[in-house]
Amino acid sequence: MFVTEARERRTPYKLMLVAAALLWGGSFVVIKDTLNDISPAWLLGIRFVLSGLIMTLLFFPRLRQSLNKSSLCAAVALGVTGGLGYLIQNLGLVDTTPGHNAFLTATYCVMVPFLHWVVARVRPTLANVVAAVVAVAGIGALSLGAEDPFSLRWGDWMTLGGAFWFAVQIEVMVRAARGRDIVALTTIEFYVMGLLCLGYGLFFEAPPDLQVFASGGFWLSMGYLVLLSSCLCTVFQNVGQAHVPPAQASLLLSLESVFGVLFSVVLYGEPLTLQLGVGFSLVFGAVLLSELAPALGPRRE
């Protein structure tokens, strides 16, 4: 009874994670077009700084009331780990295919239970391990092509590095959220990620052409990335992760790849092949296993 009630209380937060995965899946279509006009670090930097400014305007009273030294340190930790994840992932995309990039990034859902084991001494359950492996197999079916799918290049190793930092950020959020205002943490997190990416862009990438900023299409894309993919999704992600166990949270967020393929099929006319069908089935099966296995197993007092 108590187990069931606890699971029901988590349902709204799980739905937040699924909603974030849905909107992030749609962002693949948007980012694909926007990167034709601006380099990855500059795009990320502008996106996250604008997101921080919007959050500040909307929630300034909460920021003023809840920010203290402890919260600031927690937000910086979130921003550094998340910024490294985004930046390394996008840099890896330069030397690998989008399919490899999506597949290798999704391996963070395998890393999370074991990282949580190392940090919190909470051993992953068999259901956690099996669900994570099945999810990655499904994402691989969705993302990888038949031509030399498992050769690892420099960009692939970079992408794995980005996945590691995403896993670390999930673990940091488990601790950062305790007793702190999630909105305030998220706002500072945006600024830290934006400054980190802009700093890299200043030193290692050419500045964007000013004509890009005169394009209505650019600002329409940035509107989606800033308002939905960043502000709304990151708040959903951070609030959801604060109330859902890390292993389950990472699996729910891995649905991003499924939604990404769905948007590609609907908007770009990508054929719905047997390979895609297998991938969908495996990922959804992994999420169901993660959700149902605790209820089917022996109950603990």
C-alpha atoms as a PDB file:
ATOM      1  CA  MET A   1       0.000   0.000   0.000  1.00  0.00           C
ATOM      2  CA  PHE A   2       2.704   2.467   1.016  1.00  0.00           C
ATOM      3  CA  VAL A   3       4.785   1.509  -2.023  1.00  0.00           C
ATOM      4  CA  THR A   4       1.815   2.138  -4.320  1.00  0.00           C
ATOM      5  CA  GLU A   5       1.123   5.524  -2.739  1.00  0.00           C
ATOM      6  CA  ALA A   6       4.747   6.556  -3.119  1.00  0.00           C
ATOM      7  CA  ARG A   7       4.690   5.569  -6.792  1.00  0.00           C
ATOM      8  CA  GLU A   8       1.466   7.529  -7.354  1.00  0.00           C
ATOM      9  CA  ARG A   9       2.965  10.633  -5.782  1.00  0.00           C
ATOM     10  CA  ARG A  10       5.823  10.421  -8.267  1.00  0.00           C
ATOM     11  CA  THR A  11       3.537  10.191 -11.316  1.00  0.00           C
ATOM     12  CA  PRO A  12       3.289  13.969 -12.018  1.00  0.00           C
ATOM     13  CA  TYR A  13       7.074  14.267 -11.829  1.00  0.00           C
ATOM     14  CA  LYS A  14       7.520  11.347 -14.204  1.00  0.00           C
ATOM     15  CA  LEU A  15       5.145  13.039 -16.632  1.00  0.00           C
ATOM     16  CA  MET A  16       7.336  16.165 -16.409  1.00  0.00           C
ATOM     17  CA  LEU A  17      10.335  14.088 -17.481  1.00  0.00           C
ATOM     18  CA  VAL A  18       8.391  12.584 -20.395  1.00  0.00           C
ATOM     19  CA  ALA A  19       7.240  16.072 -21.479  1.00  0.00           C
ATOM     20  CA  ALA A  20      10.841  17.284 -21.388  1.00  0.00           C
ATOM     21  CA  ALA A  21      11.897  14.308 -23.513  1.00  0.00           C
ATOM     22  CA  LEU A  22       9.109  15.099 -26.002  1.00  0.00           C
ATOM     23  CA  LEU A  23      10.149  18.743 -26.432  1.00  0.00           C
ATOM     24  CA  TRP A  24      13.834  17.859 -26.616  1.00  0.00           C
ATOM     25  CA  GLY A  25      13.006  15.293 -29.292  1.00  0.00           C
ATOM     26  CA  GLY A  26      11.430  18.062 -31.341  1.00  0.00           C
ATOM     27  CA  SER A  27      14.487  20.258 -30.868  1.00  0.00           C
ATOM     28  CA  PHE A  28      16.602  17.959 -33.082  1.00  0.00           C
ATOM     29  CA  VAL A  29      14.704  19.267 -36.100  1.00  0.00           C
ATOM     30  CA  VAL A  30      15.237  22.864 -34.985  1.00  0.00           C
ATOM     31  CA  ILE A  31      18.932  22.507 -34.127  1.00  0.00           C
ATOM     32  CA  LYS A  32      19.661  20.743 -37.412  1.00  0.00           C
ATOM     33  CA  ASP A  33      18.648  23.858 -39.356  1.00  0.00           C
ATOM     34  CA  THR A  34      20.125  26.409 -36.930  1.00  0.00           C
ATOM     35  CA  LEU A  35      23.615  24.877 -36.945  1.00  0.00           C
ATOM     36  CA  ASN A  36      23.841  25.745 -40.636  1.00  0.00           C
ATOM     37  CA  ASP A  37      24.094  29.400 -39.585  1.00  0.00           C
ATOM     38  CA  ILE A  38      25.986  29.358 -36.281  1.00  0.00           C
ATOM     39  CA  SER A  39      28.623  27.149 -34.627  1.00  0.00           C
ATOM     40  CA  PRO A  40      27.731  24.813 -31.728  1.00  0.00           C
ATOM     41  CA  ALA A  41      29.370  26.677 -28.810  1.00  0.00           C
ATOM     42  CA  TRP A  42      27.950  30.054 -29.859  1.00  0.00           C
ATOM     43  CA  LEU A  43      24.497  28.555 -30.343  1.00  0.00           C
ATOM     44  CA  LEU A  44      24.598  26.936 -26.907  1.00  0.00           C
ATOM     45  CA  GLY A  45      26.014  30.052 -25.265  1.00  0.00           C
ATOM     46  CA  ILE A  46      23.396  32.419 -26.686  1.00  0.00           C
ATOM     47  CA  ARG A  47      20.625  29.923 -25.991  1.00  0.00           C
ATOM     48  CA  PHE A  48      21.473  29.441 -22.321  1.00  0.00           C
ATOM     49  CA  VAL A  49      22.257  33.092 -21.517  1.00  0.00           C
ATOM     50  CA  LEU A  50      18.919  34.155 -23.022  1.00  0.00           C
ATOM     51  CA  SER A  51      17.227  31.388 -21.037  1.00  0.00           C
ATOM     52  CA  GLY A  52      18.823  32.700 -17.843  1.00  0.00           C
ATOM     53  CA  LEU A  53      17.677  36.247 -18.580  1.00  0.00           C
ATOM     54  CA  ILE A  54      14.090  35.142 -19.205  1.00  0.00           C
ATOM     55  CA  MET A  55      14.037  33.077 -16.011  1.00  0.00           C
ATOM     56  CA  THR A  56      15.429  36.056 -14.072  1.00  0.00           C
ATOM     57  CA  LEU A  57      12.690  38.351 -15.386  1.00  0.00           C
ATOM     58  CA  LEU A  58       9.980  35.821 -14.556  1.00  0.00           C
ATOM     59  CA  PHE A  59      11.188  34.730 -11.138  1.00  0.00           C
ATOM     60  CA  PHE A  60      13.326  37.553  -9.772  1.00  0.00           C
ATOM     61  CA  PRO A  61      11.542  37.663  -6.363  1.00  0.00           C
ATOM     62  CA  ARG A  62      12.189  33.947  -5.865  1.00  0.00           C
ATOM     63  CA  LEU A  63      15.817  34.378  -6.845  1.00  0.00           C
ATOM     64  CA  ARG A  64      16.311  37.196  -4.362  1.00  0.00           C
ATOM     65  CA  GLN A  65      14.681  35.256  -1.537  1.00  0.00           C
ATOM     66  CA  SER A  66      16.201  31.812  -2.071  1.00  0.00           C
ATOM     67  CA  LEU A  67      19.713  32.387  -3.391  1.00  0.00           C
ATOM     68  CA  ASN A  68      22.455  31.988  -0.831  1.00  0.00           C
ATOM     69  CA  LYS A  69      26.004  30.668  -0.839  1.00  0.00           C
ATOM     70  CA  SER A  70      24.901  27.044  -0.591  1.00  0.00           C
ATOM     71  CA  SER A  71      22.359  27.344  -3.418  1.00  0.00           C
ATOM     72  CA  LEU A  72      24.835  29.242  -5.584  1.00  0.00           C
ATOM     73  CA  CYS A  73      27.447  26.503  -5.193  1.00  0.00           C
ATOM     74  CA  ALA A  74      24.860  23.834  -6.049  1.00  0.00           C
ATOM     75  CA  ALA A  75      23.731  25.778  -9.145  1.00  0.00           C
ATOM     76  CA  VAL A  76      27.317  26.230 -10.321  1.00  0.00           C
ATOM     77  CA  ALA A  77      27.905  22.482  -9.971  1.00  0.00           C
ATOM     78  CA  LEU A  78      24.792  21.821 -12.066  1.00  0.00           C
ATOM     79  CA  GLY A  79      25.835  24.393 -14.672  1.00  0.00           C
ATOM     80  CA  VAL A  80      29.380  23.106 -15.025  1.00  0.00           C
ATOM     81  CA  THR A  81      28.379  19.458 -15.371  1.00  0.00           C
ATOM     82  CA  GLY A  82      25.479  20.240 -17.724  1.00  0.00           C
ATOM     83  CA  GLY A  83      27.522  22.717 -19.753  1.00  0.00           C
ATOM     84  CA  LEU A  84      30.341  20.214 -20.213  1.00  0.00           C
ATOM     85  CA  GLY A  85      27.825  17.590 -21.284  1.00  0.00           C
ATOM     86  CA  TYR A  86      26.207  19.814 -23.926  1.00  0.00           C
ATOM     87  CA  LEU A  87      29.477  21.267 -25.160  1.00  0.00           C
ATOM     88  CA  ILE A  88      31.387  17.989 -25.459  1.00  0.00           C
ATOM     89  CA  GLN A  89      28.387  16.291 -27.063  1.00  0.00           C
ATOM     90  CA  ASN A  90      28.106  18.980 -29.750  1.00  0.00           C
ATOM     91  CA  LEU A  91      31.852  19.087 -30.370  1.00  0.00           C
ATOM     92  CA  GLY A  92      31.822  15.329 -30.840  1.00  0.00           C
ATOM     93  CA  LEU A  93      29.150  15.694 -33.493  1.00  0.00           C
ATOM     94  CA  VAL A  94      31.731  17.414 -35.726  1.00  0.00           C
ATOM     95  CA  ASP A  95      33.635  14.116 -36.149  1.00  0.00           C
ATOM     96  CA  THR A  96      30.830  11.567 -36.044  1.00  0.00           C
ATOM     97  CA  THR A  97      27.413  10.927 -37.505  1.00  0.00           C
ATOM     98  CA  PRO A  98      24.188  12.141 -35.874  1.00  0.00           C
ATOM     99  CA  GLY A  99      23.179   8.512 -35.364  1.00  0.00           C
ATOM    100  CA  HIS A 100      26.361   7.657 -33.491  1.00  0.00           C
ATOM    101  CA  ASN A 101      26.046  10.890 -31.507  1.00  0.00           C
ATOM    102  CA  ALA A 102      22.480  10.125 -30.415  1.00  0.00           C
ATOM    103  CA  PHE A 103      23.264   6.507 -29.583  1.00  0.00           C
ATOM    104  CA  LEU A 104      26.422   7.186 -27.573  1.00  0.00           C
ATOM    105  CA  THR A 105      24.834  10.090 -25.695  1.00  0.00           C
ATOM    106  CA  ALA A 106      22.023   7.780 -24.606  1.00  0.00           C
ATOM    107  CA  THR A 107      24.514   5.540 -22.812  1.00  0.00           C
ATOM    108  CA  TYR A 108      24.224   7.902 -19.845  1.00  0.00           C
ATOM    109  CA  CYS A 109      21.117   5.943 -18.815  1.00  0.00           C
ATOM    110  CA  VAL A 110      23.392   2.911 -18.317  1.00  0.00           C
ATOM    111  CA  MET A 111      25.967   4.973 -16.420  1.00  0.00           C
ATOM    112  CA  VAL A 112      23.499   6.522 -13.935  1.00  0.00           C
ATOM    113  CA  PRO A 113      22.642   3.451 -11.791  1.00  0.00           C
ATOM    114  CA  PHE A 114      26.317   2.552 -11.425  1.00  0.00           C
ATOM    115  CA  LEU A 115      27.390   6.125 -10.751  1.00  0.00           C
ATOM    116  CA  HIS A 116      24.673   6.329  -8.090  1.00  0.00           C
ATOM    117  CA  TRP A 117      26.065   3.100  -6.633  1.00  0.00           C
ATOM    118  CA  VAL A 118      29.553   4.615  -6.386  1.00  0.00           C
ATOM    119  CA  VAL A 119      28.401   7.933  -4.919  1.00  0.00           C
ATOM    120  CA  ALA A 120      25.427   6.964  -2.740  1.00  0.00           C
ATOM    121  CA  ARG A 121      26.247   3.298  -2.065  1.00  0.00           C
ATOM    122  CA  VAL A 122      22.823   2.344  -3.446  1.00  0.00           C
ATOM    123  CA  ARG A 123      23.270  -0.833  -5.439  1.00  0.00           C
ATOM    124  CA  PRO A 124      21.331  -0.922  -8.749  1.00  0.00           C
ATOM    125  CA  THR A 125      18.601  -3.530  -8.968  1.00  0.00           C
ATOM    126  CA  LEU A 126      18.576  -6.190 -11.646  1.00  0.00           C
ATOM    127  CA  ALA A 127      15.598  -4.376 -13.212  1.00  0.00           C
ATOM    128  CA  ASN A 128      17.657  -1.138 -13.372  1.00  0.00           C
ATOM    129  CA  VAL A 129      20.516  -2.880 -15.158  1.00  0.00           C
ATOM    130  CA  VAL A 130      18.366  -4.868 -17.594  1.00  0.00           C
ATOM    131  CA  ALA A 131      16.163  -1.842 -18.387  1.00  0.00           C
ATOM    132  CA  ALA A 132      19.183   0.359 -19.051  1.00  0.00           C
ATOM    133  CA  VAL A 133      20.777  -2.178 -21.388  1.00  0.00           C
ATOM    134  CA  VAL A 134      17.498  -2.755 -23.257  1.00  0.00           C
ATOM    135  CA  ALA A 135      17.004   1.003 -23.613  1.00  0.00           C
ATOM    136  CA  VAL A 136      20.449   1.498 -25.138  1.00  0.00           C
ATOM    137  CA  ALA A 137      19.844  -1.426 -27.502  1.00  0.00           C
ATOM    138  CA  GLY A 138      16.606   0.230 -28.601  1.00  0.00           C
ATOM    139  CA  ILE A 139      18.219   3.626 -29.082  1.00  0.00           C
ATOM    140  CA  GLY A 140      20.968   1.920 -31.077  1.00  0.00           C
ATOM    141  CA  ALA A 141      18.334   0.385 -33.356  1.00  0.00           C
ATOM    142  CA  LEU A 142      16.793   3.837 -33.793  1.00  0.00           C
ATOM    143  CA  SER A 143      20.050   5.673 -34.373  1.00  0.00           C
ATOM    144  CA  LEU A 144      22.659   3.434 -35.971  1.00  0.00           C
ATOM    145  CA  GLY A 145      22.853   2.553 -39.625  1.00  0.00           C
ATOM    146  CA  ALA A 146      24.069  -0.676 -41.127  1.00  0.00           C
ATOM    147  CA  GLU A 147      27.310   0.746 -42.533  1.00  0.00           C
ATOM    148  CA  ASP A 148      30.147   0.192 -40.039  1.00  0.00           C
ATOM    149  CA  PRO A 149      28.008   1.102 -37.014  1.00  0.00           C
ATOM    150  CA  PHE A 150      30.454   0.227 -34.235  1.00  0.00           C
ATOM    151  CA  SER A 151      33.716   1.889 -35.328  1.00  0.00           C
ATOM    152  CA  LEU A 152      34.664   4.539 -32.779  1.00  0.00           C
ATOM    153  CA  ARG A 153      36.306   7.751 -33.948  1.00  0.00           C
ATOM    154  CA  TRP A 154      37.537  10.764 -32.006  1.00  0.00           C
ATOM    155  CA  GLY A 155      34.076  12.315 -32.141  1.00  0.00           C
ATOM    156  CA  ASP A 156      32.528   9.137 -30.758  1.00  0.00           C
ATOM    157  CA  TRP A 157      34.844   9.178 -27.741  1.00  0.00           C
ATOM    158  CA  MET A 158      33.995  12.854 -27.213  1.00  0.00           C
ATOM    159  CA  THR A 159      30.301  11.975 -27.280  1.00  0.00           C
ATOM    160  CA  LEU A 160      30.853   9.311 -24.626  1.00  0.00           C
ATOM    161  CA  GLY A 161      32.559  11.979 -22.540  1.00  0.00           C
ATOM    162  CA  GLY A 162      29.479  14.192 -22.899  1.00  0.00           C
ATOM    163  CA  ALA A 163      27.244  11.292 -21.841  1.00  0.00           C
ATOM    164  CA  PHE A 164      29.359  10.837 -18.723  1.00  0.00           C
ATOM    165  CA  TRP A 165      28.843  14.476 -17.712  1.00  0.00           C
ATOM    166  CA  PHE A 166      25.082  14.175 -18.256  1.00  0.00           C
ATOM    167  CA  ALA A 167      25.094  11.192 -15.899  1.00  0.00           C
ATOM    168  CA  VAL A 168      27.104  13.197 -13.362  1.00  0.00           C
ATOM    169  CA  GLN A 169      24.617  16.074 -13.611  1.00  0.00           C
ATOM    170  CA  ILE A 170      21.731  13.744 -12.759  1.00  0.00           C
ATOM    171  CA  GLU A 171      23.602  12.610  -9.652  1.00  0.00           C
ATOM    172  CA  VAL A 172      24.415  16.218  -8.723  1.00  0.00           C
ATOM    173  CA  MET A 173      20.736  17.170  -9.037  1.00  0.00           C
ATOM    174  CA  VAL A 174      19.719  14.436  -6.578  1.00  0.00           C
ATOM    175  CA  ARG A 175      21.747  16.274  -3.928  1.00  0.00           C
ATOM    176  CA  ALA A 176      21.413  19.868  -5.117  1.00  0.00           C
ATOM    177  CA  ALA A 177      17.615  19.815  -5.019  1.00  0.00           C
ATOM    178  CA  ARG A 178      17.349  18.950  -1.339  1.00  0.00           C
ATOM    179  CA  GLY A 179      15.857  21.895   0.521  1.00  0.00           C
ATOM    180  CA  ARG A 180      16.545  24.360  -2.281  1.00  0.00           C
ATOM    181  CA  ASP A 181      14.413  26.282  -4.792  1.00  0.00           C
ATOM    182  CA  ILE A 182      14.617  24.387  -8.103  1.00  0.00           C
ATOM    183  CA  VAL A 183      13.702  27.457 -10.183  1.00  0.00           C
ATOM    184  CA  ALA A 184      16.514  29.503  -8.639  1.00  0.00           C
ATOM    185  CA  LEU A 185      18.998  26.660  -9.192  1.00  0.00           C
ATOM    186  CA  THR A 186      17.895  26.307 -12.818  1.00  0.00           C
ATOM    187  CA  THR A 187      18.260  30.046 -13.512  1.00  0.00           C
ATOM    188  CA  ILE A 188      21.857  30.195 -12.274  1.00  0.00           C
ATOM    189  CA  GLU A 189      22.562  26.890 -14.013  1.00  0.00           C
ATOM    190  CA  PHE A 190      21.600  28.518 -17.331  1.00  0.00           C
ATOM    191  CA  TYR A 191      24.020  31.401 -16.800  1.00  0.00           C
ATOM    192  CA  VAL A 192      26.866  29.044 -15.908  1.00  0.00           C
ATOM    193  CA  MET A 193      26.241  26.811 -18.943  1.00  0.00           C
ATOM    194  CA  GLY A 194      25.937  29.835 -21.233  1.00  0.00           C
ATOM    195  CA  LEU A 195      29.152  31.474 -20.013  1.00  0.00           C
ATOM    196  CA  LEU A 196      31.017  28.172 -20.234  1.00  0.00           C
ATOM    197  CA  CYS A 197      29.953  27.662 -23.858  1.00  0.00           C
ATOM    198  CA  LEU A 198      30.556  31.308 -24.825  1.00  0.00           C
ATOM    199  CA  GLY A 199      34.014  31.148 -23.268  1.00  0.00           C
ATOM    200  CA  TYR A 200      34.858  28.153 -25.416  1.00  0.00           C
ATOM    201  CA  GLY A 201      33.412  29.855 -28.496  1.00  0.00           C
ATOM    202  CA  LEU A 202      35.481  33.016 -27.933  1.00  0.00           C
ATOM    203  CA  PHE A 203      38.733  31.068 -27.854  1.00  0.00           C
ATOM    204  CA  PHE A 204      38.136  28.194 -30.253  1.00  0.00           C
ATOM    205  CA  GLU A 205      35.381  29.146 -32.722  1.00  0.00           C
ATOM    206  CA  ALA A 206      34.848  31.946 -35.192  1.00  0.00           C
ATOM    207  CA  PRO A 207      32.236  34.500 -34.082  1.00  0.00           C
ATOM    208  CA  PRO A 208      28.867  34.212 -35.835  1.00  0.00           C
ATOM    209  CA  ASP A 209      28.051  36.375 -38.833  1.00  0.00           C
ATOM    210  CA  LEU A 210      25.988  39.376 -37.705  1.00  0.00           C
ATOM    211  CA  GLN A 211      23.578  38.808 -40.596  1.00  0.00           C
ATOM    212  CA  VAL A 212      22.401  35.666 -38.812  1.00  0.00           C
ATOM    213  CA  PHE A 213      20.795  37.814 -36.108  1.00  0.00           C
ATOM    214  CA  ALA A 214      18.748  39.693 -38.719  1.00  0.00           C
ATOM    215  CA  SER A 215      16.998  36.503 -39.786  1.00  0.00           C
ATOM    216  CA  GLY A 216      13.469  35.928 -38.542  1.00  0.00           C
ATOM    217  CA  GLY A 217      13.928  32.191 -38.962  1.00  0.00           C
ATOM    218  CA  PHE A 218      16.908  32.253 -36.587  1.00  0.00           C
ATOM    219  CA  TRP A 219      14.926  33.962 -33.832  1.00  0.00           C
ATOM    220  CA  LEU A 220      11.957  31.642 -34.382  1.00  0.00           C
ATOM    221  CA  SER A 221      14.282  28.685 -33.856  1.00  0.00           C
ATOM    222  CA  MET A 222      15.851  30.350 -30.830  1.00  0.00           C
ATOM    223  CA  GLY A 223      12.368  30.942 -29.425  1.00  0.00           C
ATOM    224  CA  TYR A 224      11.729  27.214 -29.437  1.00  0.00           C
ATOM    225  CA  LEU A 225      15.170  26.378 -28.048  1.00  0.00           C
ATOM    226  CA  VAL A 226      15.097  29.060 -25.337  1.00  0.00           C
ATOM    227  CA  LEU A 227      11.458  29.064 -24.172  1.00  0.00           C
ATOM    228  CA  LEU A 228      10.537  25.409 -24.599  1.00  0.00           C
ATOM    229  CA  SER A 229      13.678  23.318 -24.945  1.00  0.00           C
ATOM    230  CA  SER A 230      15.626  25.241 -22.294  1.00  0.00           C
ATOM    231  CA  CYS A 231      13.393  27.128 -19.834  1.00  0.00           C
ATOM    232  CA  LEU A 232      10.406  24.799 -19.668  1.00  0.00           C
ATOM    233  CA  CYS A 233      12.252  21.520 -20.232  1.00  0.00           C
ATOM    234  CA  THR A 234      15.065  22.184 -17.789  1.00  0.00           C
ATOM    235  CA  VAL A 235      12.630  23.186 -15.059  1.00  0.00           C
ATOM    236  CA  PHE A 236      10.652  19.992 -15.766  1.00  0.00           C
ATOM    237  CA  GLN A 237      13.876  17.979 -15.772  1.00  0.00           C
ATOM    238  CA  ASN A 238      15.222  19.409 -12.539  1.00  0.00           C
ATOM    239  CA  VAL A 239      11.911  19.195 -10.670  1.00  0.00           C
ATOM    240  CA  GLY A 240      11.294  15.671 -11.967  1.00  0.00           C
ATOM    241  CA  GLN A 241      14.778  14.438 -11.079  1.00  0.00           C
ATOM    242  CA  ALA A 242      14.353  15.781  -7.560  1.00  0.00           C
ATOM    243  CA  HIS A 243      11.415  13.389  -6.993  1.00  0.00           C
ATOM    244  CA  VAL A 244      12.171  10.365  -9.226  1.00  0.00           C
ATOM    245  CA  PRO A 245      14.971   7.837  -8.557  1.00  0.00           C
ATOM    246  CA  PRO A 246      17.988   8.500 -10.812  1.00  0.00           C
ATOM    247  CA  ALA A 247      17.809   5.207 -12.735  1.00  0.00           C
ATOM    248  CA  GLN A 248      14.140   5.705 -13.635  1.00  0.00           C
ATOM    249  CA  ALA A 249      14.647   9.399 -14.407  1.00  0.00           C
ATOM    250  CA  SER A 250      17.431   8.673 -16.888  1.00  0.00           C
ATOM    251  CA  LEU A 251      15.310   6.078 -18.676  1.00  0.00           C
ATOM    252  CA  LEU A 252      12.332   8.416 -18.977  1.00  0.00           C
ATOM    253  CA  LEU A 253      14.599  11.120 -20.373  1.00  0.00           C
ATOM    254  CA  SER A 254      16.020   8.618 -22.877  1.00  0.00           C
ATOM    255  CA  LEU A 255      12.610   8.755 -24.602  1.00  0.00           C
ATOM    256  CA  GLU A 256      14.028  11.906 -26.200  1.00  0.00           C
ATOM    257  CA  SER A 257      15.567   9.696 -28.906  1.00  0.00           C
ATOM    258  CA  VAL A 258      12.227   8.021 -29.596  1.00  0.00           C
ATOM    259  CA  PHE A 259      10.434  11.345 -29.953  1.00  0.00           C
ATOM    260  CA  GLY A 260      13.295  12.650 -32.096  1.00  0.00           C
ATOM    261  CA  VAL A 261      12.774   9.845 -34.602  1.00  0.00           C
ATOM    262  CA  LEU A 262       8.995  10.367 -34.527  1.00  0.00           C
ATOM    263  CA  PHE A 263       9.432  14.037 -35.423  1.00  0.00           C
ATOM    264  CA  SER A 264      11.834  13.027 -38.176  1.00  0.00           C
ATOM    265  CA  VAL A 265       9.299  10.591 -39.610  1.00  0.00           C
ATOM    266  CA  VAL A 266       6.435  13.101 -39.418  1.00  0.00           C
ATOM    267  CA  LEU A 267       8.248  16.289 -40.508  1.00  0.00           C
ATOM    268  CA  TYR A 268      10.972  14.963 -42.808  1.00  0.00           C
ATOM    269  CA  GLY A 269       9.246  11.923 -44.264  1.00  0.00           C
ATOM    270  CA  GLU A 270      11.772   9.433 -42.923  1.00  0.00           C
ATOM    271  CA  PRO A 271      10.417   5.933 -43.696  1.00  0.00           C
ATOM    272  CA  LEU A 272       9.130   3.960 -40.709  1.00  0.00           C
ATOM    273  CA  THR A 273      11.206   0.789 -41.154  1.00  0.00           C
ATOM    274  CA  LEU A 274      11.353  -2.488 -39.241  1.00  0.00           C
ATOM    275  CA  GLN A 275      14.558  -1.218 -37.588  1.00  0.00           C
ATOM    276  CA  LEU A 276      12.709   1.819 -36.215  1.00  0.00           C
ATOM    277  CA  GLY A 277       9.853  -0.371 -35.014  1.00  0.00           C
ATOM    278  CA  VAL A 278      12.273  -2.610 -33.115  1.00  0.00           C
ATOM    279  CA  GLY A 279      13.932   0.443 -31.584  1.00  0.00           C
ATOM    280  CA  PHE A 280      10.620   1.903 -30.394  1.00  0.00           C
ATOM    281  CA  SER A 281       9.590  -1.429 -28.881  1.00  0.00           C
ATOM    282  CA  LEU A 282      12.852  -1.883 -26.991  1.00  0.00           C
ATOM    283  CA  VAL A 283      12.911   1.641 -25.517  1.00  0.00           C
ATOM    284  CA  PHE A 284       9.288   1.542 -24.412  1.00  0.00           C
ATOM    285  CA  GLY A 285       9.840  -1.961 -23.064  1.00  0.00           C
ATOM    286  CA  ALA A 286      12.763  -0.689 -21.003  1.00  0.00           C
ATOM    287  CA  VAL A 287      10.682   2.135 -19.535  1.00  0.00           C
ATOM    288  CA  LEU A 288       7.826  -0.269 -18.717  1.00  0.00           C
ATOM    289  CA  LEU A 289      10.261  -2.682 -17.085  1.00  0.00           C
ATOM    290  CA  SER A 290      11.676   0.114 -14.954  1.00  0.00           C
ATOM    291  CA  GLU A 291       8.162   1.189 -13.946  1.00  0.00           C
ATOM    292  CA  LEU A 292       6.565  -2.219 -13.347  1.00  0.00           C
ATOM    293  CA  ALA A 293       9.412  -4.263 -11.879  1.00  0.00           C
ATOM    294  CA  PRO A 294       9.310  -2.600  -8.410  1.00  0.00           C
ATOM    295  CA  ALA A 295       5.561  -3.223  -8.151  1.00  0.00           C
ATOM    296  CA  LEU A 296       5.908  -6.857  -9.221  1.00  0.00           C
ATOM    297  CA  GLY A 297       8.770  -7.607  -6.852  1.00  0.00           C
ATOM    298  CA  PRO A 298       8.589  -8.347  -3.128  1.00  0.00           C
ATOM    299  CA  ARG A 299       7.426  -5.408  -1.017  1.00  0.00           C
ATOM    300  CA  ARG A 300       9.603  -4.020   1.733  1.00  0.00           C
ATOM    301  CA  GLU A 301       8.362  -2.473   4.923  1.00  0.00           C
END
